[in-house]
């Protein structure tokens, strides 16, 4: 249950971070307007970034694996 909640929060923050990037707002302005501390924003930005890197590495590794016996 906790993993689902964490994934939901990660997804929510990924959308919020993308919205901020598209809006062109500064982090300070975005946080003030959304009632979020800058520390919380940076915390989730780091988590989202790590999650994206992990997914990218998994996809990259799955594409480079060749079934045994294939040349």
PDB file of N, CA and C in Angstrom:
ATOM      1  N   UNK A   1       0.830  -1.194   0.000  1.00  0.00           N
ATOM      2  CA  UNK A   1       0.000   0.000   0.000  1.00  0.00           C
ATOM      3  C   UNK A   1       0.878   1.263   0.000  1.00  0.00           C
ATOM      4  N   UNK A   2       1.966   1.245   0.783  1.00  0.00           N
ATOM      5  CA  UNK A   2       2.826   2.420   0.868  1.00  0.00           C
ATOM      6  C   UNK A   2       3.519   2.695  -0.453  1.00  0.00           C
ATOM      7  N   UNK A   3       3.875   1.623  -1.198  1.00  0.00           N
ATOM      8  CA  UNK A   3       4.539   1.799  -2.487  1.00  0.00           C
ATOM      9  C   UNK A   3       3.611   2.504  -3.469  1.00  0.00           C
ATOM     10  N   UNK A   4       2.333   2.139  -3.453  1.00  0.00           N
ATOM     11  CA  UNK A   4       1.356   2.768  -4.345  1.00  0.00           C
ATOM     12  C   UNK A   4       1.228   4.250  -4.009  1.00  0.00           C
ATOM     13  N   UNK A   5       1.137   4.570  -2.739  1.00  0.00           N
ATOM     14  CA  UNK A   5       1.018   5.960  -2.312  1.00  0.00           C
ATOM     15  C   UNK A   5       2.247   6.757  -2.728  1.00  0.00           C
ATOM     16  N   UNK A   6       3.423   6.171  -2.547  1.00  0.00           N
ATOM     17  CA  UNK A   6       4.655   6.846  -2.927  1.00  0.00           C
ATOM     18  C   UNK A   6       4.714   7.073  -4.438  1.00  0.00           C
ATOM     19  N   UNK A   7       4.292   6.084  -5.210  1.00  0.00           N
ATOM     20  CA  UNK A   7       4.267   6.226  -6.665  1.00  0.00           C
ATOM     21  C   UNK A   7       3.258   7.291  -7.102  1.00  0.00           C
ATOM     22  N   UNK A   8       2.136   7.373  -6.396  1.00  0.00           N
ATOM     23  CA  UNK A   8       1.148   8.401  -6.698  1.00  0.00           C
ATOM     24  C   UNK A   8       1.718   9.789  -6.414  1.00  0.00           C
ATOM     25  N   UNK A   9       2.401   9.927  -5.300  1.00  0.00           N
ATOM     26  CA  UNK A   9       3.007  11.212  -4.958  1.00  0.00           C
ATOM     27  C   UNK A   9       4.089  11.571  -5.969  1.00  0.00           C
ATOM     28  N   UNK A  10       4.873  10.600  -6.364  1.00  0.00           N
ATOM     29  CA  UNK A  10       5.930  10.824  -7.338  1.00  0.00           C
ATOM     30  C   UNK A  10       5.327  11.293  -8.666  1.00  0.00           C
ATOM     31  N   UNK A  11       4.250  10.658  -9.072  1.00  0.00           N
ATOM     32  CA  UNK A  11       3.564  11.040 -10.306  1.00  0.00           C
ATOM     33  C   UNK A  11       2.991  12.450 -10.202  1.00  0.00           C
ATOM     34  N   UNK A  12       2.389  12.760  -9.067  1.00  0.00           N
ATOM     35  CA  UNK A  12       1.817  14.091  -8.838  1.00  0.00           C
ATOM     36  C   UNK A  12       2.906  15.158  -8.931  1.00  0.00           C
ATOM     37  N   UNK A  13       4.036  14.900  -8.261  1.00  0.00           N
ATOM     38  CA  UNK A  13       5.119  15.877  -8.263  1.00  0.00           C
ATOM     39  C   UNK A  13       5.784  15.993  -9.633  1.00  0.00           C
ATOM     40  N   UNK A  14       5.851  14.892 -10.366  1.00  0.00           N
ATOM     41  CA  UNK A  14       6.409  14.960 -11.727  1.00  0.00           C
ATOM     42  C   UNK A  14       5.561  15.905 -12.575  1.00  0.00           C
ATOM     43  N   UNK A  15       4.250  15.821 -12.422  1.00  0.00           N
ATOM     44  CA  UNK A  15       3.349  16.716 -13.156  1.00  0.00           C
ATOM     45  C   UNK A  15       3.523  18.163 -12.700  1.00  0.00           C
ATOM     46  N   UNK A  16       3.621  18.377 -11.386  1.00  0.00           N
ATOM     47  CA  UNK A  16       3.795  19.738 -10.864  1.00  0.00           C
ATOM     48  C   UNK A  16       5.105  20.356 -11.344  1.00  0.00           C
ATOM     49  N   UNK A  17       6.163  19.583 -11.322  1.00  0.00           N
ATOM     50  CA  UNK A  17       7.466  20.090 -11.768  1.00  0.00           C
ATOM     51  C   UNK A  17       7.416  20.418 -13.256  1.00  0.00           C
ATOM     52  N   UNK A  18       6.780  19.555 -14.041  1.00  0.00           N
ATOM     53  CA  UNK A  18       6.652  19.819 -15.473  1.00  0.00           C
ATOM     54  C   UNK A  18       5.811  21.065 -15.719  1.00  0.00           C
ATOM     55  N   UNK A  19       4.752  21.243 -14.955  1.00  0.00           N
ATOM     56  CA  UNK A  19       3.905  22.428 -15.073  1.00  0.00           C
ATOM     57  C   UNK A  19       4.711  23.694 -14.784  1.00  0.00           C
ATOM     58  N   UNK A  20       5.533  23.645 -13.723  1.00  0.00           N
ATOM     59  CA  UNK A  20       6.365  24.800 -13.398  1.00  0.00           C
ATOM     60  C   UNK A  20       7.354  25.105 -14.518  1.00  0.00           C
ATOM     61  N   UNK A  21       7.963  24.080 -15.069  1.00  0.00           N
ATOM     62  CA  UNK A  21       8.922  24.287 -16.146  1.00  0.00           C
ATOM     63  C   UNK A  21       8.251  24.921 -17.371  1.00  0.00           C
ATOM     64  N   UNK A  22       7.071  24.445 -17.703  1.00  0.00           N
ATOM     65  CA  UNK A  22       6.344  24.976 -18.859  1.00  0.00           C
ATOM     66  C   UNK A  22       5.838  26.389 -18.623  1.00  0.00           C
ATOM     67  N   UNK A  23       5.567  26.726 -17.364  1.00  0.00           N
ATOM     68  CA  UNK A  23       5.030  28.052 -17.052  1.00  0.00           C
ATOM     69  C   UNK A  23       6.104  29.136 -17.100  1.00  0.00           C
ATOM     70  N   UNK A  24       7.344  28.729 -16.910  1.00  0.00           N
ATOM     71  CA  UNK A  24       8.425  29.707 -16.892  1.00  0.00           C
ATOM     72  C   UNK A  24       8.579  30.421 -15.557  1.00  0.00           C
ATOM     73  N   UNK A  25       7.805  30.022 -14.559  1.00  0.00           N
ATOM     74  CA  UNK A  25       7.897  30.628 -13.233  1.00  0.00           C
ATOM     75  C   UNK A  25       9.205  30.222 -12.563  1.00  0.00           C
ATOM     76  N   UNK A  26       9.693  31.087 -11.712  1.00  0.00           N
ATOM     77  CA  UNK A  26      10.838  30.713 -10.894  1.00  0.00           C
ATOM     78  C   UNK A  26      10.349  29.729  -9.830  1.00  0.00           C
ATOM     79  N   UNK A  27      11.294  29.009  -9.257  1.00  0.00           N
ATOM     80  CA  UNK A  27      10.928  28.057  -8.200  1.00  0.00           C
ATOM     81  C   UNK A  27      10.347  28.800  -7.010  1.00  0.00           C
ATOM     82  N   UNK A  28      10.950  29.917  -6.674  1.00  0.00           N
ATOM     83  CA  UNK A  28      10.478  30.717  -5.537  1.00  0.00           C
ATOM     84  C   UNK A  28       9.028  31.155  -5.751  1.00  0.00           C
ATOM     85  N   UNK A  29       8.738  31.664  -6.942  1.00  0.00           N
ATOM     86  CA  UNK A  29       7.385  32.135  -7.248  1.00  0.00           C
ATOM     87  C   UNK A  29       6.394  30.967  -7.269  1.00  0.00           C
ATOM     88  N   UNK A  30       6.776  29.865  -7.879  1.00  0.00           N
ATOM     89  CA  UNK A  30       5.908  28.689  -7.960  1.00  0.00           C
ATOM     90  C   UNK A  30       5.555  28.184  -6.560  1.00  0.00           C
ATOM     91  N   UNK A  31       6.577  28.082  -5.709  1.00  0.00           N
ATOM     92  CA  UNK A  31       6.349  27.589  -4.350  1.00  0.00           C
ATOM     93  C   UNK A  31       5.450  28.522  -3.552  1.00  0.00           C
ATOM     94  N   UNK A  32       5.669  29.811  -3.696  1.00  0.00           N
ATOM     95  CA  UNK A  32       4.842  30.791  -2.980  1.00  0.00           C
ATOM     96  C   UNK A  32       3.391  30.694  -3.426  1.00  0.00           C
ATOM     97  N   UNK A  33       3.161  30.578  -4.721  1.00  0.00           N
ATOM     98  CA  UNK A  33       1.795  30.541  -5.255  1.00  0.00           C
ATOM     99  C   UNK A  33       1.080  29.227  -4.928  1.00  0.00           C
ATOM    100  N   UNK A  34       1.851  28.150  -4.707  1.00  0.00           N
ATOM    101  CA  UNK A  34       1.242  26.848  -4.444  1.00  0.00           C
ATOM    102  C   UNK A  34       1.335  26.415  -2.986  1.00  0.00           C
ATOM    103  N   UNK A  35       1.867  27.299  -2.144  1.00  0.00           N
ATOM    104  CA  UNK A  35       1.937  26.997  -0.720  1.00  0.00           C
ATOM    105  C   UNK A  35       2.869  25.839  -0.389  1.00  0.00           C
ATOM    106  N   UNK A  36       3.979  25.744  -1.121  1.00  0.00           N
ATOM    107  CA  UNK A  36       4.943  24.671  -0.923  1.00  0.00           C
ATOM    108  C   UNK A  36       6.278  25.299  -0.541  1.00  0.00           C
ATOM    109  N   UNK A  37       6.979  24.678   0.396  1.00  0.00           N
ATOM    110  CA  UNK A  37       8.303  25.198   0.738  1.00  0.00           C
ATOM    111  C   UNK A  37       9.292  24.825  -0.369  1.00  0.00           C
ATOM    112  N   UNK A  38      10.329  25.644  -0.506  1.00  0.00           N
ATOM    113  CA  UNK A  38      11.344  25.354  -1.518  1.00  0.00           C
ATOM    114  C   UNK A  38      12.053  24.036  -1.202  1.00  0.00           C
ATOM    115  N   UNK A  39      12.237  23.746   0.069  1.00  0.00           N
ATOM    116  CA  UNK A  39      12.885  22.493   0.460  1.00  0.00           C
ATOM    117  C   UNK A  39      12.069  21.288  -0.018  1.00  0.00           C
ATOM    118  N   UNK A  40      10.752  21.373   0.128  1.00  0.00           N
ATOM    119  CA  UNK A  40       9.877  20.291  -0.326  1.00  0.00           C
ATOM    120  C   UNK A  40       9.946  20.158  -1.840  1.00  0.00           C
ATOM    121  N   UNK A  41       9.938  21.285  -2.531  1.00  0.00           N
ATOM    122  CA  UNK A  41      10.029  21.261  -3.985  1.00  0.00           C
ATOM    123  C   UNK A  41      11.323  20.579  -4.411  1.00  0.00           C
ATOM    124  N   UNK A  42      12.456  20.975  -3.849  1.00  0.00           N
ATOM    125  CA  UNK A  42      13.746  20.398  -4.230  1.00  0.00           C
ATOM    126  C   UNK A  42      13.836  18.920  -3.863  1.00  0.00           C
ATOM    127  N   UNK A  43      13.235  18.542  -2.748  1.00  0.00           N
ATOM    128  CA  UNK A  43      13.200  17.141  -2.339  1.00  0.00           C
ATOM    129  C   UNK A  43      12.523  16.300  -3.413  1.00  0.00           C
ATOM    130  N   UNK A  44      11.337  16.735  -3.852  1.00  0.00           N
ATOM    131  CA  UNK A  44      10.592  15.973  -4.847  1.00  0.00           C
ATOM    132  C   UNK A  44      11.225  16.074  -6.237  1.00  0.00           C
ATOM    133  N   UNK A  45      11.854  17.188  -6.526  1.00  0.00           N
ATOM    134  CA  UNK A  45      12.552  17.320  -7.806  1.00  0.00           C
ATOM    135  C   UNK A  45      13.669  16.273  -7.897  1.00  0.00           C
ATOM    136  N   UNK A  46      14.371  16.090  -6.805  1.00  0.00           N
ATOM    137  CA  UNK A  46      15.447  15.095  -6.763  1.00  0.00           C
ATOM    138  C   UNK A  46      14.877  13.684  -6.905  1.00  0.00           C
ATOM    139  N   UNK A  47      13.792  13.383  -6.204  1.00  0.00           N
ATOM    140  CA  UNK A  47      13.162  12.065  -6.280  1.00  0.00           C
ATOM    141  C   UNK A  47      12.671  11.775  -7.699  1.00  0.00           C
ATOM    142  N   UNK A  48      12.034  12.759  -8.331  1.00  0.00           N
ATOM    143  CA  UNK A  48      11.522  12.588  -9.692  1.00  0.00           C
ATOM    144  C   UNK A  48      12.684  12.347 -10.652  1.00  0.00           C
ATOM    145  N   UNK A  49      13.744  13.100 -10.485  1.00  0.00           N
ATOM    146  CA  UNK A  49      14.915  12.951 -11.347  1.00  0.00           C
ATOM    147  C   UNK A  49      15.523  11.556 -11.211  1.00  0.00           C
ATOM    148  N   UNK A  50      15.656  11.075  -9.990  1.00  0.00           N
ATOM    149  CA  UNK A  50      16.198   9.731  -9.763  1.00  0.00           C
ATOM    150  C   UNK A  50      15.296   8.668 -10.371  1.00  0.00           C
ATOM    151  N   UNK A  51      13.990   8.833 -10.237  1.00  0.00           N
ATOM    152  CA  UNK A  51      13.046   7.860 -10.790  1.00  0.00           C
ATOM    153  C   UNK A  51      13.150   7.816 -12.306  1.00  0.00           C
ATOM    154  N   UNK A  52      13.279   8.974 -12.933  1.00  0.00           N
ATOM    155  CA  UNK A  52      13.411   9.010 -14.390  1.00  0.00           C
ATOM    156  C   UNK A  52      14.694   8.323 -14.830  1.00  0.00           C
ATOM    157  N   UNK A  53      15.783   8.552 -14.109  1.00  0.00           N
ATOM    158  CA  UNK A  53      17.065   7.913 -14.444  1.00  0.00           C
ATOM    159  C   UNK A  53      16.965   6.399 -14.296  1.00  0.00           C
ATOM    160  N   UNK A  54      16.289   5.939 -13.251  1.00  0.00           N
ATOM    161  CA  UNK A  54      16.127   4.515 -13.018  1.00  0.00           C
ATOM    162  C   UNK A  54      15.333   3.872 -14.152  1.00  0.00           C
ATOM    163  N   UNK A  55      14.247   4.504 -14.549  1.00  0.00           N
ATOM    164  CA  UNK A  55      13.419   3.976 -15.640  1.00  0.00           C
ATOM    165  C   UNK A  55      14.220   3.958 -16.937  1.00  0.00           C
ATOM    166  N   UNK A  56      14.969   5.025 -17.185  1.00  0.00           N
ATOM    167  CA  UNK A  56      15.776   5.106 -18.404  1.00  0.00           C
ATOM    168  C   UNK A  56      16.804   3.973 -18.440  1.00  0.00           C
ATOM    169  N   UNK A  57      17.475   3.717 -17.325  1.00  0.00           N
ATOM    170  CA  UNK A  57      18.473   2.653 -17.253  1.00  0.00           C
ATOM    171  C   UNK A  57      17.827   1.289 -17.472  1.00  0.00           C
ATOM    172  N   UNK A  58      16.638   1.064 -16.906  1.00  0.00           N
ATOM    173  CA  UNK A  58      15.944  -0.215 -17.084  1.00  0.00           C
ATOM    174  C   UNK A  58      15.593  -0.434 -18.549  1.00  0.00           C
ATOM    175  N   UNK A  59      15.113   0.604 -19.211  1.00  0.00           N
ATOM    176  CA  UNK A  59      14.764   0.494 -20.629  1.00  0.00           C
ATOM    177  C   UNK A  59      16.025   0.250 -21.449  1.00  0.00           C
ATOM    178  N   UNK A  60      17.064   0.982 -21.146  1.00  0.00           N
ATOM    179  CA  UNK A  60      18.331   0.851 -21.865  1.00  0.00           C
ATOM    180  C   UNK A  60      18.877  -0.569 -21.725  1.00  0.00           C
ATOM    181  N   UNK A  61      18.850  -1.112 -20.528  1.00  0.00           N
ATOM    182  CA  UNK A  61      19.369  -2.458 -20.295  1.00  0.00           C
ATOM    183  C   UNK A  61      18.515  -3.515 -20.975  1.00  0.00           C
ATOM    184  N   UNK A  62      17.205  -3.337 -20.965  1.00  0.00           N
ATOM    185  CA  UNK A  62      16.334  -4.332 -21.584  1.00  0.00           C
ATOM    186  C   UNK A  62      16.506  -4.360 -23.098  1.00  0.00           C
ATOM    187  N   UNK A  63      16.876  -3.247 -23.695  1.00  0.00           N
ATOM    188  CA  UNK A  63      17.087  -3.201 -25.144  1.00  0.00           C
ATOM    189  C   UNK A  63      18.419  -3.811 -25.543  1.00  0.00           C
ATOM    190  N   UNK A  64      19.402  -3.798 -24.656  1.00  0.00           N
ATOM    191  CA  UNK A  64      20.736  -4.287 -25.021  1.00  0.00           C
ATOM    192  C   UNK A  64      20.904  -5.778 -24.756  1.00  0.00           C
ATOM    193  N   UNK A  65      19.984  -6.407 -24.073  1.00  0.00           N
ATOM    194  CA  UNK A  65      20.082  -7.834 -23.804  1.00  0.00           C
ATOM    195  C   UNK A  65      19.702  -8.599 -25.068  1.00  0.00           C
ATOM    196  N   UNK A  66      20.567  -9.522 -25.440  1.00  0.00           N
ATOM    197  CA  UNK A  66      20.326 -10.361 -26.604  1.00  0.00           C
ATOM    198  C   UNK A  66      20.101 -11.779 -26.076  1.00  0.00           C
ATOM    199  N   UNK A  67      19.029 -12.413 -26.519  1.00  0.00           N
ATOM    200  CA  UNK A  67      18.778 -13.780 -26.056  1.00  0.00           C
ATOM    201  C   UNK A  67      19.954 -14.695 -26.382  1.00  0.00           C
ATOM    202  N   UNK A  68      20.228 -15.626 -25.493  1.00  0.00           N
ATOM    203  CA  UNK A  68      21.365 -16.515 -25.723  1.00  0.00           C
ATOM    204  C   UNK A  68      21.123 -17.361 -26.977  1.00  0.00           C
ATOM    205  N   UNK A  69      22.196 -17.586 -27.709  1.00  0.00           N
ATOM    206  CA  UNK A  69      22.088 -18.357 -28.948  1.00  0.00           C
ATOM    207  C   UNK A  69      21.913 -17.485 -30.166  1.00  0.00           C
ATOM    208  N   UNK A  70      21.646 -16.198 -29.985  1.00  0.00           N
ATOM    209  CA  UNK A  70      21.469 -15.289 -31.119  1.00  0.00           C
ATOM    210  C   UNK A  70      22.799 -14.647 -31.442  1.00  0.00           C
ATOM    211  N   UNK A  71      23.004 -14.379 -32.679  1.00  0.00           N
ATOM    212  CA  UNK A  71      24.246 -13.704 -33.074  1.00  0.00           C
ATOM    213  C   UNK A  71      23.910 -12.390 -33.724  1.00  0.00           C
TER     214      UNK A  71
END
